[in-house]
Amino acid sequence: MGRTCKGICLRYKAEPAPNRIRYEIGQKRCTFCGIFLDVDDSRCMCCKAVLRTKARGKPKKFI
């Protein structure tokens, strides 16, 4: 059975923040729905996908 976004996650959509600090302030991203959520669960409410808790890319090196 495939995943389907039912729109329930839009109620928990996180406030806008700079992309660098989104994960640091506790926001999580659902890769299937494509939005950041402000929840304590480790799975999305509507599609049950695992939420991302850290950035995919490497941190930038400061000289």
PDB file of N, CA and C in Angstrom:
ATOM      1  N   MET A   1       0.835  -1.177   0.000  1.00  0.00           N
ATOM      2  CA  MET A   1       0.000   0.000   0.000  1.00  0.00           C
ATOM      3  C   MET A   1       0.881   1.243   0.000  1.00  0.00           C
ATOM      4  N   GLY A   2       0.619   2.140  -0.900  1.00  0.00           N
ATOM      5  CA  GLY A   2       1.432   3.337  -1.041  1.00  0.00           C
ATOM      6  C   GLY A   2       1.044   4.433  -0.074  1.00  0.00           C
ATOM      7  N   ARG A   3       1.963   5.364   0.087  1.00  0.00           N
ATOM      8  CA  ARG A   3       1.708   6.509   0.960  1.00  0.00           C
ATOM      9  C   ARG A   3       0.873   7.543   0.228  1.00  0.00           C
ATOM     10  N   THR A   4       0.051   8.255   0.992  1.00  0.00           N
ATOM     11  CA  THR A   4      -0.760   9.324   0.438  1.00  0.00           C
ATOM     12  C   THR A   4      -0.830  10.445   1.458  1.00  0.00           C
ATOM     13  N   CYS A   5      -0.552  11.675   1.028  1.00  0.00           N
ATOM     14  CA  CYS A   5      -0.689  12.836   1.906  1.00  0.00           C
ATOM     15  C   CYS A   5      -2.167  13.200   1.960  1.00  0.00           C
ATOM     16  N   LYS A   6      -2.733  13.158   3.152  1.00  0.00           N
ATOM     17  CA  LYS A   6      -4.154  13.424   3.330  1.00  0.00           C
ATOM     18  C   LYS A   6      -4.433  14.867   3.736  1.00  0.00           C
ATOM     19  N   GLY A   7      -3.396  15.676   3.913  1.00  0.00           N
ATOM     20  CA  GLY A   7      -3.562  17.076   4.272  1.00  0.00           C
ATOM     21  C   GLY A   7      -3.660  17.337   5.764  1.00  0.00           C
ATOM     22  N   ILE A   8      -3.590  16.291   6.579  1.00  0.00           N
ATOM     23  CA  ILE A   8      -3.649  16.468   8.027  1.00  0.00           C
ATOM     24  C   ILE A   8      -2.418  17.218   8.523  1.00  0.00           C
ATOM     25  N   CYS A   9      -1.297  17.017   7.882  1.00  0.00           N
ATOM     26  CA  CYS A   9      -0.039  17.623   8.319  1.00  0.00           C
ATOM     27  C   CYS A   9      -0.046  19.147   8.178  1.00  0.00           C
ATOM     28  N   LEU A  10      -0.901  19.702   7.355  1.00  0.00           N
ATOM     29  CA  LEU A  10      -0.939  21.155   7.173  1.00  0.00           C
ATOM     30  C   LEU A  10      -1.350  21.873   8.459  1.00  0.00           C
ATOM     31  N   ARG A  11      -2.054  21.193   9.355  1.00  0.00           N
ATOM     32  CA  ARG A  11      -2.424  21.795  10.641  1.00  0.00           C
ATOM     33  C   ARG A  11      -1.213  21.960  11.549  1.00  0.00           C
ATOM     34  N   TYR A  12      -0.173  21.163  11.330  1.00  0.00           N
ATOM     35  CA  TYR A  12       1.021  21.183  12.170  1.00  0.00           C
ATOM     36  C   TYR A  12       2.206  21.825  11.467  1.00  0.00           C
ATOM     37  N   LYS A  13       1.954  22.558  10.404  1.00  0.00           N
ATOM     38  CA  LYS A  13       3.023  23.186   9.629  1.00  0.00           C
ATOM     39  C   LYS A  13       3.780  24.183  10.501  1.00  0.00           C
ATOM     40  N   ALA A  14       5.104  24.142  10.428  1.00  0.00           N
ATOM     41  CA  ALA A  14       5.957  24.979  11.262  1.00  0.00           C
ATOM     42  C   ALA A  14       6.025  26.399  10.716  1.00  0.00           C
ATOM     43  N   GLU A  15       6.322  27.324  11.610  1.00  0.00           N
ATOM     44  CA  GLU A  15       6.502  28.728  11.228  1.00  0.00           C
ATOM     45  C   GLU A  15       7.776  28.873  10.399  1.00  0.00           C
ATOM     46  N   PRO A  16       7.804  29.848   9.498  1.00  0.00           N
ATOM     47  CA  PRO A  16       9.009  30.060   8.689  1.00  0.00           C
ATOM     48  C   PRO A  16      10.214  30.396   9.570  1.00  0.00           C
ATOM     49  N   ALA A  17      11.356  29.875   9.179  1.00  0.00           N
ATOM     50  CA  ALA A  17      12.617  30.121   9.880  1.00  0.00           C
ATOM     51  C   ALA A  17      13.736  29.973   8.862  1.00  0.00           C
ATOM     52  N   PRO A  18      14.901  30.583   9.151  1.00  0.00           N
ATOM     53  CA  PRO A  18      16.043  30.381   8.253  1.00  0.00           C
ATOM     54  C   PRO A  18      16.380  28.894   8.164  1.00  0.00           C
ATOM     55  N   ASN A  19      16.690  28.431   6.961  1.00  0.00           N
ATOM     56  CA  ASN A  19      16.930  27.003   6.740  1.00  0.00           C
ATOM     57  C   ASN A  19      18.052  26.437   7.599  1.00  0.00           C
ATOM     58  N   ARG A  20      19.019  27.257   7.960  1.00  0.00           N
ATOM     59  CA  ARG A  20      20.147  26.753   8.738  1.00  0.00           C
ATOM     60  C   ARG A  20      19.751  26.312  10.133  1.00  0.00           C
ATOM     61  N   ILE A  21      18.724  26.948  10.704  1.00  0.00           N
ATOM     62  CA  ILE A  21      18.407  26.652  12.097  1.00  0.00           C
ATOM     63  C   ILE A  21      17.113  25.868  12.274  1.00  0.00           C
ATOM     64  N   ARG A  22      16.460  25.470  11.222  1.00  0.00           N
ATOM     65  CA  ARG A  22      15.187  24.762  11.338  1.00  0.00           C
ATOM     66  C   ARG A  22      15.314  23.510  12.205  1.00  0.00           C
ATOM     67  N   TYR A  23      16.322  22.702  11.963  1.00  0.00           N
ATOM     68  CA  TYR A  23      16.492  21.463  12.723  1.00  0.00           C
ATOM     69  C   TYR A  23      16.958  21.766  14.146  1.00  0.00           C
ATOM     70  N   GLU A  24      17.713  22.845  14.324  1.00  0.00           N
ATOM     71  CA  GLU A  24      18.220  23.200  15.648  1.00  0.00           C
ATOM     72  C   GLU A  24      17.102  23.639  16.591  1.00  0.00           C
ATOM     73  N   ILE A  25      16.043  24.236  16.057  1.00  0.00           N
ATOM     74  CA  ILE A  25      14.941  24.696  16.915  1.00  0.00           C
ATOM     75  C   ILE A  25      13.849  23.650  17.058  1.00  0.00           C
ATOM     76  N   GLY A  26      14.080  22.441  16.521  1.00  0.00           N
ATOM     77  CA  GLY A  26      13.161  21.335  16.754  1.00  0.00           C
ATOM     78  C   GLY A  26      12.177  21.041  15.640  1.00  0.00           C
ATOM     79  N   GLN A  27      12.277  21.727  14.514  1.00  0.00           N
ATOM     80  CA  GLN A  27      11.379  21.428  13.404  1.00  0.00           C
ATOM     81  C   GLN A  27      11.852  20.173  12.684  1.00  0.00           C
ATOM     82  N   LYS A  28      10.906  19.423  12.140  1.00  0.00           N
ATOM     83  CA  LYS A  28      11.216  18.184  11.418  1.00  0.00           C
ATOM     84  C   LYS A  28      10.586  18.256  10.044  1.00  0.00           C
ATOM     85  N   ARG A  29      11.186  17.575   9.069  1.00  0.00           N
ATOM     86  CA  ARG A  29      10.706  17.643   7.698  1.00  0.00           C
ATOM     87  C   ARG A  29      10.159  16.296   7.243  1.00  0.00           C
ATOM     88  N   CYS A  30       8.979  16.343   6.646  1.00  0.00           N
ATOM     89  CA  CYS A  30       8.419  15.157   6.011  1.00  0.00           C
ATOM     90  C   CYS A  30       8.829  15.226   4.547  1.00  0.00           C
ATOM     91  N   THR A  31       9.625  14.272   4.109  1.00  0.00           N
ATOM     92  CA  THR A  31      10.111  14.303   2.736  1.00  0.00           C
ATOM     93  C   THR A  31       9.011  13.953   1.745  1.00  0.00           C
ATOM     94  N   PHE A  32       8.016  13.203   2.177  1.00  0.00           N
ATOM     95  CA  PHE A  32       6.929  12.841   1.271  1.00  0.00           C
ATOM     96  C   PHE A  32       5.977  14.019   1.058  1.00  0.00           C
ATOM     97  N   CYS A  33       5.547  14.665   2.143  1.00  0.00           N
ATOM     98  CA  CYS A  33       4.627  15.808   2.043  1.00  0.00           C
ATOM     99  C   CYS A  33       5.353  17.082   1.624  1.00  0.00           C
ATOM    100  N   GLY A  34       6.652  17.174   1.920  1.00  0.00           N
ATOM    101  CA  GLY A  34       7.450  18.313   1.499  1.00  0.00           C
ATOM    102  C   GLY A  34       7.306  19.542   2.372  1.00  0.00           C
ATOM    103  N   ILE A  35       6.956  19.372   3.660  1.00  0.00           N
ATOM    104  CA  ILE A  35       6.837  20.520   4.550  1.00  0.00           C
ATOM    105  C   ILE A  35       7.544  20.251   5.869  1.00  0.00           C
ATOM    106  N   PHE A  36       7.868  21.336   6.574  1.00  0.00           N
ATOM    107  CA  PHE A  36       8.434  21.232   7.911  1.00  0.00           C
ATOM    108  C   PHE A  36       7.299  21.214   8.913  1.00  0.00           C
ATOM    109  N   LEU A  37       7.415  20.339   9.924  1.00  0.00           N
ATOM    110  CA  LEU A  37       6.385  20.180  10.940  1.00  0.00           C
ATOM    111  C   LEU A  37       6.943  20.525  12.310  1.00  0.00           C
ATOM    112  N   ASP A  38       6.080  20.983  13.184  1.00  0.00           N
ATOM    113  CA  ASP A  38       6.459  21.282  14.559  1.00  0.00           C
ATOM    114  C   ASP A  38       5.735  20.298  15.475  1.00  0.00           C
ATOM    115  N   VAL A  39       6.252  19.070  15.544  1.00  0.00           N
ATOM    116  CA  VAL A  39       5.637  17.988  16.325  1.00  0.00           C
ATOM    117  C   VAL A  39       6.723  17.244  17.112  1.00  0.00           C
ATOM    118  N   ASP A  40       6.285  16.459  18.089  1.00  0.00           N
ATOM    119  CA  ASP A  40       7.213  15.652  18.882  1.00  0.00           C
ATOM    120  C   ASP A  40       7.344  14.227  18.355  1.00  0.00           C
ATOM    121  N   ASP A  41       6.436  13.807  17.483  1.00  0.00           N
ATOM    122  CA  ASP A  41       6.461  12.446  16.955  1.00  0.00           C
ATOM    123  C   ASP A  41       7.618  12.264  15.975  1.00  0.00           C
ATOM    124  N   SER A  42       7.972  11.021  15.711  1.00  0.00           N
ATOM    125  CA  SER A  42       9.032  10.728  14.749  1.00  0.00           C
ATOM    126  C   SER A  42       8.466  10.360  13.379  1.00  0.00           C
ATOM    127  N   ARG A  43       7.118  10.310  13.271  1.00  0.00           N
ATOM    128  CA  ARG A  43       6.466  10.002  11.999  1.00  0.00           C
ATOM    129  C   ARG A  43       5.429  11.060  11.672  1.00  0.00           C
ATOM    130  N   CYS A  44       5.184  11.258  10.391  1.00  0.00           N
ATOM    131  CA  CYS A  44       4.182  12.208   9.919  1.00  0.00           C
ATOM    132  C   CYS A  44       2.786  11.670  10.242  1.00  0.00           C
ATOM    133  N   MET A  45       1.880  12.558  10.625  1.00  0.00           N
ATOM    134  CA  MET A  45       0.538  12.141  11.024  1.00  0.00           C
ATOM    135  C   MET A  45      -0.287  11.619   9.854  1.00  0.00           C
ATOM    136  N   CYS A  46      -0.096  12.164   8.663  1.00  0.00           N
ATOM    137  CA  CYS A  46      -0.979  11.783   7.558  1.00  0.00           C
ATOM    138  C   CYS A  46      -0.422  10.671   6.675  1.00  0.00           C
ATOM    139  N   CYS A  47       0.881  10.638   6.432  1.00  0.00           N
ATOM    140  CA  CYS A  47       1.408   9.612   5.529  1.00  0.00           C
ATOM    141  C   CYS A  47       2.263   8.568   6.251  1.00  0.00           C
ATOM    142  N   LYS A  48       2.523   8.776   7.537  1.00  0.00           N
ATOM    143  CA  LYS A  48       3.286   7.843   8.381  1.00  0.00           C
ATOM    144  C   LYS A  48       4.733   7.657   7.936  1.00  0.00           C
ATOM    145  N   ALA A  49       5.268   8.612   7.186  1.00  0.00           N
ATOM    146  CA  ALA A  49       6.674   8.562   6.780  1.00  0.00           C
ATOM    147  C   ALA A  49       7.550   9.013   7.948  1.00  0.00           C
ATOM    148  N   VAL A  50       8.772   8.519   8.004  1.00  0.00           N
ATOM    149  CA  VAL A  50       9.714   8.926   9.044  1.00  0.00           C
ATOM    150  C   VAL A  50      10.140  10.365   8.763  1.00  0.00           C
ATOM    151  N   LEU A  51      10.118  11.205   9.797  1.00  0.00           N
ATOM    152  CA  LEU A  51      10.477  12.611   9.652  1.00  0.00           C
ATOM    153  C   LEU A  51      11.983  12.786   9.757  1.00  0.00           C
ATOM    154  N   ARG A  52      12.520  13.713   8.970  1.00  0.00           N
ATOM    155  CA  ARG A  52      13.948  14.022   9.029  1.00  0.00           C
ATOM    156  C   ARG A  52      14.211  14.917  10.220  1.00  0.00           C
ATOM    157  N   THR A  53      15.245  14.618  10.995  1.00  0.00           N
ATOM    158  CA  THR A  53      15.576  15.412  12.167  1.00  0.00           C
ATOM    159  C   THR A  53      16.891  16.157  12.014  1.00  0.00           C
ATOM    160  N   LYS A  54      17.597  15.911  10.914  1.00  0.00           N
ATOM    161  CA  LYS A  54      18.838  16.641  10.662  1.00  0.00           C
ATOM    162  C   LYS A  54      19.010  16.842   9.167  1.00  0.00           C
ATOM    163  N   ALA A  55      19.800  17.826   8.814  1.00  0.00           N
ATOM    164  CA  ALA A  55      20.005  18.195   7.419  1.00  0.00           C
ATOM    165  C   ALA A  55      20.742  17.096   6.659  1.00  0.00           C
ATOM    166  N   ARG A  56      20.483  17.012   5.368  1.00  0.00           N
ATOM    167  CA  ARG A  56      21.129  15.993   4.533  1.00  0.00           C
ATOM    168  C   ARG A  56      22.530  16.390   4.131  1.00  0.00           C
ATOM    169  N   GLY A  57      22.736  17.661   3.867  1.00  0.00           N
ATOM    170  CA  GLY A  57      24.022  18.124   3.371  1.00  0.00           C
ATOM    171  C   GLY A  57      25.081  18.219   4.458  1.00  0.00           C
ATOM    172  N   LYS A  58      26.333  18.345   4.025  1.00  0.00           N
ATOM    173  CA  LYS A  58      27.436  18.505   4.961  1.00  0.00           C
ATOM    174  C   LYS A  58      27.413  19.944   5.498  1.00  0.00           C
ATOM    175  N   PRO A  59      27.806  20.117   6.751  1.00  0.00           N
ATOM    176  CA  PRO A  59      27.866  21.495   7.292  1.00  0.00           C
ATOM    177  C   PRO A  59      28.966  22.275   6.583  1.00  0.00           C
ATOM    178  N   LYS A  60      28.729  23.545   6.390  1.00  0.00           N
ATOM    179  CA  LYS A  60      29.732  24.392   5.729  1.00  0.00           C
ATOM    180  C   LYS A  60      30.890  24.653   6.672  1.00  0.00           C
ATOM    181  N   LYS A  61      32.081  24.634   6.094  1.00  0.00           N
ATOM    182  CA  LYS A  61      33.273  24.883   6.908  1.00  0.00           C
ATOM    183  C   LYS A  61      33.548  26.375   6.907  1.00  0.00           C
ATOM    184  N   PHE A  62      33.737  26.922   8.098  1.00  0.00           N
ATOM    185  CA  PHE A  62      34.057  28.332   8.223  1.00  0.00           C
ATOM    186  C   PHE A  62      35.557  28.464   8.414  1.00  0.00           C
ATOM    187  N   ILE A  63      36.135  29.385   7.702  1.00  0.00           N
ATOM    188  CA  ILE A  63      37.601  29.560   7.752  1.00  0.00           C
ATOM    189  C   ILE A  63      37.969  30.528   8.845  1.00  0.00           C
TER     190      ILE A  63
END
